[in-house]
């Protein structure tokens, strides 16, 4: 779903960012992604089943993730659809993280991050 400017039309929300981060760590099914995001963010970012399904659909349509060819692990459930991040999704993730790294650097320089003041 790229437009003429090279944009996908998918806004990189905190949930989108964390879904891509989760899948950058390996293939996973929706419930596994949901639990990973909740665990890594201490519950600060959460996506219920409905919003996660919507996000996964949008990311698939944009070409950022796709259904994995095979399920990882011996005990995987055949009823679950596994996803993995595509090269395009990884580029979007890396670009977004680079932008946030710049923001964090500026915030640290301005002593806006508790305990993370300028060095």
PDB file of N, CA and C in Angstrom:
ATOM      1  N   UNK A   1       0.808  -1.182   0.000  1.00  0.00           N
ATOM      2  CA  UNK A   1       0.000   0.000   0.000  1.00  0.00           C
ATOM      3  C   UNK A   1       0.859   1.258   0.000  1.00  0.00           C
ATOM      4  N   UNK A   2       1.883   1.298  -0.806  1.00  0.00           N
ATOM      5  CA  UNK A   2       2.737   2.477  -0.874  1.00  0.00           C
ATOM      6  C   UNK A   2       2.110   3.520  -1.791  1.00  0.00           C
ATOM      7  N   UNK A   3       2.209   4.797  -1.407  1.00  0.00           N
ATOM      8  CA  UNK A   3       1.767   5.845  -2.303  1.00  0.00           C
ATOM      9  C   UNK A   3       2.968   6.380  -3.074  1.00  0.00           C
ATOM     10  N   UNK A   4       2.781   7.449  -3.849  1.00  0.00           N
ATOM     11  CA  UNK A   4       3.852   7.965  -4.696  1.00  0.00           C
ATOM     12  C   UNK A   4       5.054   8.479  -3.911  1.00  0.00           C
ATOM     13  N   UNK A   5       4.847   8.826  -2.644  1.00  0.00           N
ATOM     14  CA  UNK A   5       5.957   9.336  -1.844  1.00  0.00           C
ATOM     15  C   UNK A   5       6.735   8.220  -1.162  1.00  0.00           C
ATOM     16  N   UNK A   6       6.306   6.965  -1.383  1.00  0.00           N
ATOM     17  CA  UNK A   6       6.983   5.839  -0.756  1.00  0.00           C
ATOM     18  C   UNK A   6       6.426   5.506   0.611  1.00  0.00           C
ATOM     19  N   UNK A   7       5.358   6.170   1.011  1.00  0.00           N
ATOM     20  CA  UNK A   7       4.743   5.917   2.306  1.00  0.00           C
ATOM     21  C   UNK A   7       3.755   4.763   2.199  1.00  0.00           C
ATOM     22  N   UNK A   8       3.609   4.016   3.243  1.00  0.00           N
ATOM     23  CA  UNK A   8       2.741   2.842   3.233  1.00  0.00           C
ATOM     24  C   UNK A   8       1.307   3.182   3.579  1.00  0.00           C
ATOM     25  N   UNK A   9       1.069   4.297   4.215  1.00  0.00           N
ATOM     26  CA  UNK A   9      -0.259   4.618   4.697  1.00  0.00           C
ATOM     27  C   UNK A   9      -0.507   4.053   6.080  1.00  0.00           C
ATOM     28  N   UNK A  10       0.448   3.304   6.639  1.00  0.00           N
ATOM     29  CA  UNK A  10       0.321   2.755   7.987  1.00  0.00           C
ATOM     30  C   UNK A  10       1.037   3.698   8.943  1.00  0.00           C
ATOM     31  N   UNK A  11       0.265   4.261   9.871  1.00  0.00           N
ATOM     32  CA  UNK A  11       0.844   5.128  10.886  1.00  0.00           C
ATOM     33  C   UNK A  11       1.552   4.253  11.912  1.00  0.00           C
ATOM     34  N   UNK A  12       2.774   4.616  12.263  1.00  0.00           N
ATOM     35  CA  UNK A  12       3.545   3.816  13.217  1.00  0.00           C
ATOM     36  C   UNK A  12       3.167   4.262  14.630  1.00  0.00           C
ATOM     37  N   UNK A  13       2.133   3.620  15.141  1.00  0.00           N
ATOM     38  CA  UNK A  13       1.665   3.865  16.503  1.00  0.00           C
ATOM     39  C   UNK A  13       2.535   3.058  17.468  1.00  0.00           C
ATOM     40  N   UNK A  14       2.407   3.297  18.770  1.00  0.00           N
ATOM     41  CA  UNK A  14       3.158   2.459  19.713  1.00  0.00           C
ATOM     42  C   UNK A  14       2.867   0.963  19.532  1.00  0.00           C
ATOM     43  N   UNK A  15       1.619   0.604  19.260  1.00  0.00           N
ATOM     44  CA  UNK A  15       1.296  -0.813  19.068  1.00  0.00           C
ATOM     45  C   UNK A  15       1.991  -1.348  17.823  1.00  0.00           C
ATOM     46  N   UNK A  16       1.943  -0.606  16.716  1.00  0.00           N
ATOM     47  CA  UNK A  16       2.614  -1.038  15.484  1.00  0.00           C
ATOM     48  C   UNK A  16       4.106  -1.204  15.735  1.00  0.00           C
ATOM     49  N   UNK A  17       4.710  -0.231  16.391  1.00  0.00           N
ATOM     50  CA  UNK A  17       6.144  -0.299  16.688  1.00  0.00           C
ATOM     51  C   UNK A  17       6.469  -1.547  17.505  1.00  0.00           C
ATOM     52  N   UNK A  18       5.674  -1.818  18.522  1.00  0.00           N
ATOM     53  CA  UNK A  18       5.951  -2.970  19.375  1.00  0.00           C
ATOM     54  C   UNK A  18       5.658  -4.300  18.688  1.00  0.00           C
ATOM     55  N   UNK A  19       4.684  -4.343  17.804  1.00  0.00           N
ATOM     56  CA  UNK A  19       4.438  -5.568  17.026  1.00  0.00           C
ATOM     57  C   UNK A  19       5.643  -5.856  16.140  1.00  0.00           C
ATOM     58  N   UNK A  20       6.146  -4.828  15.459  1.00  0.00           N
ATOM     59  CA  UNK A  20       7.323  -5.014  14.606  1.00  0.00           C
ATOM     60  C   UNK A  20       8.540  -5.409  15.441  1.00  0.00           C
ATOM     61  N   UNK A  21       8.707  -4.796  16.604  1.00  0.00           N
ATOM     62  CA  UNK A  21       9.814  -5.171  17.500  1.00  0.00           C
ATOM     63  C   UNK A  21       9.696  -6.627  17.927  1.00  0.00           C
ATOM     64  N   UNK A  22       8.485  -7.036  18.245  1.00  0.00           N
ATOM     65  CA  UNK A  22       8.263  -8.417  18.665  1.00  0.00           C
ATOM     66  C   UNK A  22       8.648  -9.384  17.548  1.00  0.00           C
ATOM     67  N   UNK A  23       8.203  -9.092  16.341  1.00  0.00           N
ATOM     68  CA  UNK A  23       8.483  -9.991  15.219  1.00  0.00           C
ATOM     69  C   UNK A  23       9.936  -9.914  14.762  1.00  0.00           C
ATOM     70  N   UNK A  24      10.627  -8.829  15.071  1.00  0.00           N
ATOM     71  CA  UNK A  24      12.054  -8.748  14.750  1.00  0.00           C
ATOM     72  C   UNK A  24      12.826  -9.771  15.578  1.00  0.00           C
ATOM     73  N   UNK A  25      12.224 -10.218  16.678  1.00  0.00           N
ATOM     74  CA  UNK A  25      12.844 -11.241  17.521  1.00  0.00           C
ATOM     75  C   UNK A  25      12.540 -12.661  17.075  1.00  0.00           C
ATOM     76  N   UNK A  26      11.677 -12.819  16.094  1.00  0.00           N
ATOM     77  CA  UNK A  26      11.343 -14.151  15.580  1.00  0.00           C
ATOM     78  C   UNK A  26       9.861 -14.274  15.288  1.00  0.00           C
ATOM     79  N   UNK A  27       9.525 -15.281  14.521  1.00  0.00           N
ATOM     80  CA  UNK A  27       8.133 -15.529  14.143  1.00  0.00           C
ATOM     81  C   UNK A  27       7.283 -15.754  15.387  1.00  0.00           C
ATOM     82  N   UNK A  28       6.041 -15.306  15.329  1.00  0.00           N
ATOM     83  CA  UNK A  28       5.140 -15.482  16.466  1.00  0.00           C
ATOM     84  C   UNK A  28       3.695 -15.431  15.997  1.00  0.00           C
ATOM     85  N   UNK A  29       2.811 -15.984  16.811  1.00  0.00           N
ATOM     86  CA  UNK A  29       1.377 -15.894  16.541  1.00  0.00           C
ATOM     87  C   UNK A  29       0.830 -14.713  17.344  1.00  0.00           C
ATOM     88  N   UNK A  30      -0.403 -14.322  17.042  1.00  0.00           N
ATOM     89  CA  UNK A  30      -0.984 -13.107  17.620  1.00  0.00           C
ATOM     90  C   UNK A  30      -0.941 -13.107  19.146  1.00  0.00           C
ATOM     91  N   UNK A  31      -1.337 -14.206  19.763  1.00  0.00           N
ATOM     92  CA  UNK A  31      -1.350 -14.252  21.227  1.00  0.00           C
ATOM     93  C   UNK A  31       0.070 -14.101  21.777  1.00  0.00           C
ATOM     94  N   UNK A  32       1.046 -14.725  21.125  1.00  0.00           N
ATOM     95  CA  UNK A  32       2.440 -14.599  21.549  1.00  0.00           C
ATOM     96  C   UNK A  32       2.938 -13.173  21.421  1.00  0.00           C
ATOM     97  N   UNK A  33       2.535 -12.507  20.343  1.00  0.00           N
ATOM     98  CA  UNK A  33       2.909 -11.095  20.148  1.00  0.00           C
ATOM     99  C   UNK A  33       2.300 -10.256  21.268  1.00  0.00           C
ATOM    100  N   UNK A  34       1.018 -10.481  21.536  1.00  0.00           N
ATOM    101  CA  UNK A  34       0.310  -9.719  22.556  1.00  0.00           C
ATOM    102  C   UNK A  34       0.989  -9.882  23.918  1.00  0.00           C
ATOM    103  N   UNK A  35       1.340 -11.107  24.290  1.00  0.00           N
ATOM    104  CA  UNK A  35       1.989 -11.359  25.569  1.00  0.00           C
ATOM    105  C   UNK A  35       3.395 -10.751  25.611  1.00  0.00           C
ATOM    106  N   UNK A  36       4.123 -10.816  24.498  1.00  0.00           N
ATOM    107  CA  UNK A  36       5.468 -10.251  24.430  1.00  0.00           C
ATOM    108  C   UNK A  36       5.422  -8.741  24.638  1.00  0.00           C
ATOM    109  N   UNK A  37       4.499  -8.075  23.964  1.00  0.00           N
ATOM    110  CA  UNK A  37       4.376  -6.620  24.089  1.00  0.00           C
ATOM    111  C   UNK A  37       4.007  -6.245  25.519  1.00  0.00           C
ATOM    112  N   UNK A  38       3.047  -6.931  26.094  1.00  0.00           N
ATOM    113  CA  UNK A  38       2.656  -6.642  27.475  1.00  0.00           C
ATOM    114  C   UNK A  38       3.823  -6.855  28.432  1.00  0.00           C
ATOM    115  N   UNK A  39       4.578  -7.925  28.222  1.00  0.00           N
ATOM    116  CA  UNK A  39       5.712  -8.239  29.091  1.00  0.00           C
ATOM    117  C   UNK A  39       6.821  -7.201  28.966  1.00  0.00           C
ATOM    118  N   UNK A  40       7.188  -6.871  27.722  1.00  0.00           N
ATOM    119  CA  UNK A  40       8.293  -5.933  27.510  1.00  0.00           C
ATOM    120  C   UNK A  40       7.976  -4.518  27.952  1.00  0.00           C
ATOM    121  N   UNK A  41       6.698  -4.140  27.921  1.00  0.00           N
ATOM    122  CA  UNK A  41       6.329  -2.768  28.273  1.00  0.00           C
ATOM    123  C   UNK A  41       5.759  -2.660  29.677  1.00  0.00           C
ATOM    124  N   UNK A  42       5.744  -3.761  30.397  1.00  0.00           N
ATOM    125  CA  UNK A  42       5.167  -3.743  31.736  1.00  0.00           C
ATOM    126  C   UNK A  42       3.689  -3.377  31.715  1.00  0.00           C
ATOM    127  N   UNK A  43       3.022  -3.676  30.609  1.00  0.00           N
ATOM    128  CA  UNK A  43       1.601  -3.380  30.477  1.00  0.00           C
ATOM    129  C   UNK A  43       1.296  -1.961  30.035  1.00  0.00           C
ATOM    130  N   UNK A  44       2.322  -1.128  29.851  1.00  0.00           N
ATOM    131  CA  UNK A  44       2.090   0.260  29.423  1.00  0.00           C
ATOM    132  C   UNK A  44       1.545   0.333  28.003  1.00  0.00           C
ATOM    133  N   UNK A  45       1.926  -0.624  27.181  1.00  0.00           N
ATOM    134  CA  UNK A  45       1.375  -0.718  25.828  1.00  0.00           C
ATOM    135  C   UNK A  45       0.631  -2.036  25.767  1.00  0.00           C
ATOM    136  N   UNK A  46      -0.635  -1.959  25.428  1.00  0.00           N
ATOM    137  CA  UNK A  46      -1.394  -3.200  25.325  1.00  0.00           C
ATOM    138  C   UNK A  46      -2.290  -3.141  24.103  1.00  0.00           C
ATOM    139  N   UNK A  47      -2.505  -4.292  23.549  1.00  0.00           N
ATOM    140  CA  UNK A  47      -3.395  -4.424  22.403  1.00  0.00           C
ATOM    141  C   UNK A  47      -4.269  -5.628  22.666  1.00  0.00           C
ATOM    142  N   UNK A  48      -5.545  -5.390  22.765  1.00  0.00           N
ATOM    143  CA  UNK A  48      -6.473  -6.493  22.930  1.00  0.00           C
ATOM    144  C   UNK A  48      -6.578  -7.270  21.632  1.00  0.00           C
ATOM    145  N   UNK A  49      -7.238  -8.396  21.664  1.00  0.00           N
ATOM    146  CA  UNK A  49      -7.340  -9.243  20.475  1.00  0.00           C
ATOM    147  C   UNK A  49      -7.888  -8.519  19.244  1.00  0.00           C
ATOM    148  N   UNK A  50      -8.914  -7.694  19.425  1.00  0.00           N
ATOM    149  CA  UNK A  50      -9.509  -6.993  18.287  1.00  0.00           C
ATOM    150  C   UNK A  50      -8.574  -5.985  17.647  1.00  0.00           C
ATOM    151  N   UNK A  51      -7.960  -5.134  18.476  1.00  0.00           N
ATOM    152  CA  UNK A  51      -7.056  -4.122  17.915  1.00  0.00           C
ATOM    153  C   UNK A  51      -5.780  -4.757  17.373  1.00  0.00           C
ATOM    154  N   UNK A  52      -5.328  -5.846  18.002  1.00  0.00           N
ATOM    155  CA  UNK A  52      -4.139  -6.529  17.497  1.00  0.00           C
ATOM    156  C   UNK A  52      -4.427  -7.163  16.136  1.00  0.00           C
ATOM    157  N   UNK A  53      -5.595  -7.792  16.004  1.00  0.00           N
ATOM    158  CA  UNK A  53      -5.969  -8.391  14.723  1.00  0.00           C
ATOM    159  C   UNK A  53      -6.015  -7.318  13.633  1.00  0.00           C
ATOM    160  N   UNK A  54      -6.595  -6.172  13.957  1.00  0.00           N
ATOM    161  CA  UNK A  54      -6.662  -5.053  13.010  1.00  0.00           C
ATOM    162  C   UNK A  54      -5.252  -4.595  12.625  1.00  0.00           C
ATOM    163  N   UNK A  55      -4.387  -4.455  13.616  1.00  0.00           N
ATOM    164  CA  UNK A  55      -3.003  -4.029  13.361  1.00  0.00           C
ATOM    165  C   UNK A  55      -2.268  -5.044  12.490  1.00  0.00           C
ATOM    166  N   UNK A  56      -2.411  -6.323  12.791  1.00  0.00           N
ATOM    167  CA  UNK A  56      -1.743  -7.361  11.992  1.00  0.00           C
ATOM    168  C   UNK A  56      -2.247  -7.350  10.551  1.00  0.00           C
ATOM    169  N   UNK A  57      -3.539  -7.142  10.369  1.00  0.00           N
ATOM    170  CA  UNK A  57      -4.103  -7.077   9.021  1.00  0.00           C
ATOM    171  C   UNK A  57      -3.527  -5.889   8.254  1.00  0.00           C
ATOM    172  N   UNK A  58      -3.481  -4.728   8.894  1.00  0.00           N
ATOM    173  CA  UNK A  58      -2.921  -3.532   8.251  1.00  0.00           C
ATOM    174  C   UNK A  58      -1.445  -3.726   7.901  1.00  0.00           C
ATOM    175  N   UNK A  59      -0.692  -4.339   8.796  1.00  0.00           N
ATOM    176  CA  UNK A  59       0.731  -4.560   8.547  1.00  0.00           C
ATOM    177  C   UNK A  59       0.943  -5.562   7.412  1.00  0.00           C
ATOM    178  N   UNK A  60       0.076  -6.563   7.328  1.00  0.00           N
ATOM    179  CA  UNK A  60       0.151  -7.511   6.207  1.00  0.00           C
ATOM    180  C   UNK A  60      -0.160  -6.811   4.893  1.00  0.00           C
ATOM    181  N   UNK A  61      -1.220  -6.013   4.881  1.00  0.00           N
ATOM    182  CA  UNK A  61      -1.616  -5.300   3.662  1.00  0.00           C
ATOM    183  C   UNK A  61      -0.524  -4.345   3.185  1.00  0.00           C
ATOM    184  N   UNK A  62       0.207  -3.768   4.135  1.00  0.00           N
ATOM    185  CA  UNK A  62       1.296  -2.847   3.795  1.00  0.00           C
ATOM    186  C   UNK A  62       2.566  -3.582   3.377  1.00  0.00           C
ATOM    187  N   UNK A  63       2.602  -4.900   3.591  1.00  0.00           N
ATOM    188  CA  UNK A  63       3.776  -5.677   3.236  1.00  0.00           C
ATOM    189  C   UNK A  63       4.868  -5.664   4.287  1.00  0.00           C
ATOM    190  N   UNK A  64       4.537  -5.254   5.525  1.00  0.00           N
ATOM    191  CA  UNK A  64       5.530  -5.180   6.593  1.00  0.00           C
ATOM    192  C   UNK A  64       5.683  -6.506   7.326  1.00  0.00           C
ATOM    193  N   UNK A  65       4.630  -7.303   7.314  1.00  0.00           N
ATOM    194  CA  UNK A  65       4.687  -8.646   7.894  1.00  0.00           C
ATOM    195  C   UNK A  65       3.980  -9.587   6.933  1.00  0.00           C
ATOM    196  N   UNK A  66       4.244 -10.865   7.089  1.00  0.00           N
ATOM    197  CA  UNK A  66       3.528 -11.855   6.289  1.00  0.00           C
ATOM    198  C   UNK A  66       3.394 -13.124   7.107  1.00  0.00           C
ATOM    199  N   UNK A  67       2.485 -13.965   6.658  1.00  0.00           N
ATOM    200  CA  UNK A  67       2.293 -15.224   7.351  1.00  0.00           C
ATOM    201  C   UNK A  67       3.542 -16.073   7.150  1.00  0.00           C
ATOM    202  N   UNK A  68       4.010 -16.650   8.237  1.00  0.00           N
ATOM    203  CA  UNK A  68       5.211 -17.493   8.168  1.00  0.00           C
ATOM    204  C   UNK A  68       4.873 -18.785   7.444  1.00  0.00           C
ATOM    205  N   UNK A  69       5.825 -19.273   6.670  1.00  0.00           N
ATOM    206  CA  UNK A  69       5.621 -20.502   5.893  1.00  0.00           C
ATOM    207  C   UNK A  69       5.380 -21.700   6.801  1.00  0.00           C
ATOM    208  N   UNK A  70       6.100 -21.787   7.879  1.00  0.00           N
ATOM    209  CA  UNK A  70       5.951 -22.898   8.821  1.00  0.00           C
ATOM    210  C   UNK A  70       5.966 -22.376  10.232  1.00  0.00           C
ATOM    211  N   UNK A  71       5.334 -23.090  11.112  1.00  0.00           N
ATOM    212  CA  UNK A  71       5.292 -22.677  12.511  1.00  0.00           C
ATOM    213  C   UNK A  71       6.578 -23.073  13.212  1.00  0.00           C
ATOM    214  N   UNK A  72       7.144 -22.180  14.002  1.00  0.00           N
ATOM    215  CA  UNK A  72       8.357 -22.525  14.736  1.00  0.00           C
ATOM    216  C   UNK A  72       8.060 -23.461  15.897  1.00  0.00           C
ATOM    217  N   UNK A  73       8.994 -24.295  16.223  1.00  0.00           N
ATOM    218  CA  UNK A  73       8.880 -25.147  17.407  1.00  0.00           C
ATOM    219  C   UNK A  73       8.043 -26.389  17.186  1.00  0.00           C
ATOM    220  N   UNK A  74       8.322 -27.379  17.978  1.00  0.00           N
ATOM    221  CA  UNK A  74       7.652 -28.669  17.874  1.00  0.00           C
ATOM    222  C   UNK A  74       6.219 -28.608  18.384  1.00  0.00           C
ATOM    223  N   UNK A  75       5.984 -27.809  19.415  1.00  0.00           N
ATOM    224  CA  UNK A  75       4.681 -27.790  20.051  1.00  0.00           C
ATOM    225  C   UNK A  75       3.773 -26.690  19.513  1.00  0.00           C
ATOM    226  N   UNK A  76       4.011 -26.198  18.305  1.00  0.00           N
ATOM    227  CA  UNK A  76       3.167 -25.139  17.790  1.00  0.00           C
ATOM    228  C   UNK A  76       1.782 -25.675  17.450  1.00  0.00           C
ATOM    229  N   UNK A  77       0.823 -24.804  17.564  1.00  0.00           N
ATOM    230  CA  UNK A  77      -0.574 -25.135  17.339  1.00  0.00           C
ATOM    231  C   UNK A  77      -0.918 -24.854  15.882  1.00  0.00           C
ATOM    232  N   UNK A  78      -1.352 -25.864  15.149  1.00  0.00           N
ATOM    233  CA  UNK A  78      -1.661 -25.717  13.726  1.00  0.00           C
ATOM    234  C   UNK A  78      -2.795 -24.724  13.489  1.00  0.00           C
ATOM    235  N   UNK A  79      -3.609 -24.463  14.504  1.00  0.00           N
ATOM    236  CA  UNK A  79      -4.719 -23.515  14.342  1.00  0.00           C
ATOM    237  C   UNK A  79      -4.248 -22.071  14.381  1.00  0.00           C
ATOM    238  N   UNK A  80      -3.050 -21.847  14.867  1.00  0.00           N
ATOM    239  CA  UNK A  80      -2.541 -20.481  14.987  1.00  0.00           C
ATOM    240  C   UNK A  80      -1.780 -20.074  13.744  1.00  0.00           C
ATOM    241  N   UNK A  81      -2.001 -18.835  13.336  1.00  0.00           N
ATOM    242  CA  UNK A  81      -1.291 -18.282  12.196  1.00  0.00           C
ATOM    243  C   UNK A  81      -0.053 -17.563  12.723  1.00  0.00           C
ATOM    244  N   UNK A  82       1.105 -17.963  12.239  1.00  0.00           N
ATOM    245  CA  UNK A  82       2.360 -17.335  12.644  1.00  0.00           C
ATOM    246  C   UNK A  82       2.747 -16.265  11.633  1.00  0.00           C
ATOM    247  N   UNK A  83       3.361 -15.203  12.133  1.00  0.00           N
ATOM    248  CA  UNK A  83       3.767 -14.084  11.300  1.00  0.00           C
ATOM    249  C   UNK A  83       5.264 -13.868  11.412  1.00  0.00           C
ATOM    250  N   UNK A  84       5.839 -13.266  10.375  1.00  0.00           N
ATOM    251  CA  UNK A  84       7.217 -12.793  10.498  1.00  0.00           C
ATOM    252  C   UNK A  84       7.355 -11.455   9.785  1.00  0.00           C
ATOM    253  N   UNK A  85       8.345 -10.714  10.209  1.00  0.00           N
ATOM    254  CA  UNK A  85       8.594  -9.387   9.655  1.00  0.00           C
ATOM    255  C   UNK A  85       9.258  -9.539   8.293  1.00  0.00           C
ATOM    256  N   UNK A  86       8.877  -8.710   7.335  1.00  0.00           N
ATOM    257  CA  UNK A  86       9.484  -8.735   6.007  1.00  0.00           C
ATOM    258  C   UNK A  86      10.662  -7.759   5.969  1.00  0.00           C
ATOM    259  N   UNK A  87      11.406  -7.783   4.878  1.00  0.00           N
ATOM    260  CA  UNK A  87      12.516  -6.832   4.711  1.00  0.00           C
ATOM    261  C   UNK A  87      11.985  -5.403   4.753  1.00  0.00           C
ATOM    262  N   UNK A  88      10.841  -5.173   4.147  1.00  0.00           N
ATOM    263  CA  UNK A  88      10.223  -3.852   4.164  1.00  0.00           C
ATOM    264  C   UNK A  88       9.833  -3.455   5.586  1.00  0.00           C
ATOM    265  N   UNK A  89       9.266  -4.381   6.327  1.00  0.00           N
ATOM    266  CA  UNK A  89       8.898  -4.115   7.713  1.00  0.00           C
ATOM    267  C   UNK A  89      10.104  -3.814   8.567  1.00  0.00           C
ATOM    268  N   UNK A  90      11.200  -4.533   8.324  1.00  0.00           N
ATOM    269  CA  UNK A  90      12.431  -4.284   9.078  1.00  0.00           C
ATOM    270  C   UNK A  90      12.990  -2.890   8.755  1.00  0.00           C
ATOM    271  N   UNK A  91      12.906  -2.473   7.486  1.00  0.00           N
ATOM    272  CA  UNK A  91      13.368  -1.124   7.122  1.00  0.00           C
ATOM    273  C   UNK A  91      12.531  -0.050   7.819  1.00  0.00           C
ATOM    274  N   UNK A  92      11.220  -0.252   7.851  1.00  0.00           N
ATOM    275  CA  UNK A  92      10.338   0.699   8.534  1.00  0.00           C
ATOM    276  C   UNK A  92      10.671   0.750  10.023  1.00  0.00           C
ATOM    277  N   UNK A  93      10.856  -0.403  10.631  1.00  0.00           N
ATOM    278  CA  UNK A  93      11.202  -0.475  12.045  1.00  0.00           C
ATOM    279  C   UNK A  93      12.521   0.241  12.311  1.00  0.00           C
ATOM    280  N   UNK A  94      13.535  -0.041  11.511  1.00  0.00           N
ATOM    281  CA  UNK A  94      14.845   0.587  11.706  1.00  0.00           C
ATOM    282  C   UNK A  94      14.768   2.099  11.527  1.00  0.00           C
ATOM    283  N   UNK A  95      14.006   2.561  10.533  1.00  0.00           N
ATOM    284  CA  UNK A  95      13.855   4.007  10.306  1.00  0.00           C
ATOM    285  C   UNK A  95      13.150   4.664  11.491  1.00  0.00           C
ATOM    286  N   UNK A  96      12.098   4.020  11.986  1.00  0.00           N
ATOM    287  CA  UNK A  96      11.359   4.562  13.120  1.00  0.00           C
ATOM    288  C   UNK A  96      12.232   4.599  14.376  1.00  0.00           C
ATOM    289  N   UNK A  97      12.993   3.546  14.614  1.00  0.00           N
ATOM    290  CA  UNK A  97      13.880   3.513  15.777  1.00  0.00           C
ATOM    291  C   UNK A  97      14.977   4.568  15.682  1.00  0.00           C
ATOM    292  N   UNK A  98      15.449   4.812  14.467  1.00  0.00           N
ATOM    293  CA  UNK A  98      16.454   5.851  14.262  1.00  0.00           C
ATOM    294  C   UNK A  98      15.887   7.232  14.616  1.00  0.00           C
ATOM    295  N   UNK A  99      14.648   7.482  14.203  1.00  0.00           N
ATOM    296  CA  UNK A  99      13.990   8.746  14.552  1.00  0.00           C
ATOM    297  C   UNK A  99      13.847   8.882  16.067  1.00  0.00           C
ATOM    298  N   UNK A 100      13.421   7.792  16.721  1.00  0.00           N
ATOM    299  CA  UNK A 100      13.250   7.834  18.165  1.00  0.00           C
ATOM    300  C   UNK A 100      14.591   7.989  18.874  1.00  0.00           C
ATOM    301  N   UNK A 101      15.642   7.402  18.337  1.00  0.00           N
ATOM    302  CA  UNK A 101      16.973   7.552  18.940  1.00  0.00           C
ATOM    303  C   UNK A 101      17.379   9.025  18.940  1.00  0.00           C
ATOM    304  N   UNK A 102      17.073   9.719  17.846  1.00  0.00           N
ATOM    305  CA  UNK A 102      17.367  11.156  17.775  1.00  0.00           C
ATOM    306  C   UNK A 102      16.565  11.933  18.822  1.00  0.00           C
ATOM    307  N   UNK A 103      15.294  11.591  18.958  1.00  0.00           N
ATOM    308  CA  UNK A 103      14.433  12.256  19.939  1.00  0.00           C
ATOM    309  C   UNK A 103      14.958  12.013  21.353  1.00  0.00           C
ATOM    310  N   UNK A 104      15.337  10.772  21.640  1.00  0.00           N
ATOM    311  CA  UNK A 104      15.854  10.422  22.972  1.00  0.00           C
ATOM    312  C   UNK A 104      17.141  11.196  23.258  1.00  0.00           C
ATOM    313  N   UNK A 105      17.999  11.303  22.265  1.00  0.00           N
ATOM    314  CA  UNK A 105      19.255  12.043  22.443  1.00  0.00           C
ATOM    315  C   UNK A 105      18.985  13.505  22.804  1.00  0.00           C
ATOM    316  N   UNK A 106      18.051  14.121  22.106  1.00  0.00           N
ATOM    317  CA  UNK A 106      17.691  15.518  22.390  1.00  0.00           C
ATOM    318  C   UNK A 106      17.077  15.632  23.784  1.00  0.00           C
ATOM    319  N   UNK A 107      16.186  14.705  24.119  1.00  0.00           N
ATOM    320  CA  UNK A 107      15.537  14.736  25.438  1.00  0.00           C
ATOM    321  C   UNK A 107      16.561  14.574  26.553  1.00  0.00           C
ATOM    322  N   UNK A 108      17.532  13.699  26.360  1.00  0.00           N
ATOM    323  CA  UNK A 108      18.583  13.519  27.378  1.00  0.00           C
ATOM    324  C   UNK A 108      19.411  14.790  27.514  1.00  0.00           C
ATOM    325  N   UNK A 109      19.747  15.413  26.395  1.00  0.00           N
ATOM    326  CA  UNK A 109      20.554  16.638  26.422  1.00  0.00           C
ATOM    327  C   UNK A 109      19.809  17.754  27.159  1.00  0.00           C
ATOM    328  N   UNK A 110      18.493  17.714  27.159  1.00  0.00           N
ATOM    329  CA  UNK A 110      17.683  18.726  27.827  1.00  0.00           C
ATOM    330  C   UNK A 110      17.198  18.270  29.196  1.00  0.00           C
ATOM    331  N   UNK A 111      17.774  17.179  29.685  1.00  0.00           N
ATOM    332  CA  UNK A 111      17.429  16.624  31.008  1.00  0.00           C
ATOM    333  C   UNK A 111      15.932  16.384  31.161  1.00  0.00           C
ATOM    334  N   UNK A 112      15.320  15.849  30.117  1.00  0.00           N
ATOM    335  CA  UNK A 112      13.888  15.576  30.149  1.00  0.00           C
ATOM    336  C   UNK A 112      13.562  14.128  30.477  1.00  0.00           C
ATOM    337  N   UNK A 113      14.583  13.280  30.538  1.00  0.00           N
ATOM    338  CA  UNK A 113      14.372  11.873  30.876  1.00  0.00           C
ATOM    339  C   UNK A 113      14.882  11.644  32.285  1.00  0.00           C
ATOM    340  N   UNK A 114      13.968  11.254  33.205  1.00  0.00           N
ATOM    341  CA  UNK A 114      14.405  11.035  34.594  1.00  0.00           C
ATOM    342  C   UNK A 114      15.545  10.015  34.652  1.00  0.00           C
ATOM    343  N   UNK A 115      16.594  10.384  35.357  1.00  0.00           N
ATOM    344  CA  UNK A 115      17.726   9.489  35.528  1.00  0.00           C
ATOM    345  C   UNK A 115      18.571   9.336  34.282  1.00  0.00           C
ATOM    346  N   UNK A 116      18.266  10.054  33.229  1.00  0.00           N
ATOM    347  CA  UNK A 116      19.011   9.912  31.981  1.00  0.00           C
ATOM    348  C   UNK A 116      19.557  11.230  31.501  1.00  0.00           C
ATOM    349  N   UNK A 117      19.983  12.081  32.420  1.00  0.00           N
ATOM    350  CA  UNK A 117      20.499  13.389  32.063  1.00  0.00           C
ATOM    351  C   UNK A 117      21.726  13.297  31.176  1.00  0.00           C
ATOM    352  N   UNK A 118      22.168  14.430  30.713  1.00  0.00           N
ATOM    353  CA  UNK A 118      23.318  14.472  29.807  1.00  0.00           C
ATOM    354  C   UNK A 118      24.563  13.954  30.508  1.00  0.00           C
ATOM    355  N   UNK A 119      25.401  13.322  29.712  1.00  0.00           N
ATOM    356  CA  UNK A 119      26.623  12.708  30.266  1.00  0.00           C
ATOM    357  C   UNK A 119      27.753  13.696  30.334  1.00  0.00           C
TER     358      UNK A 119
END
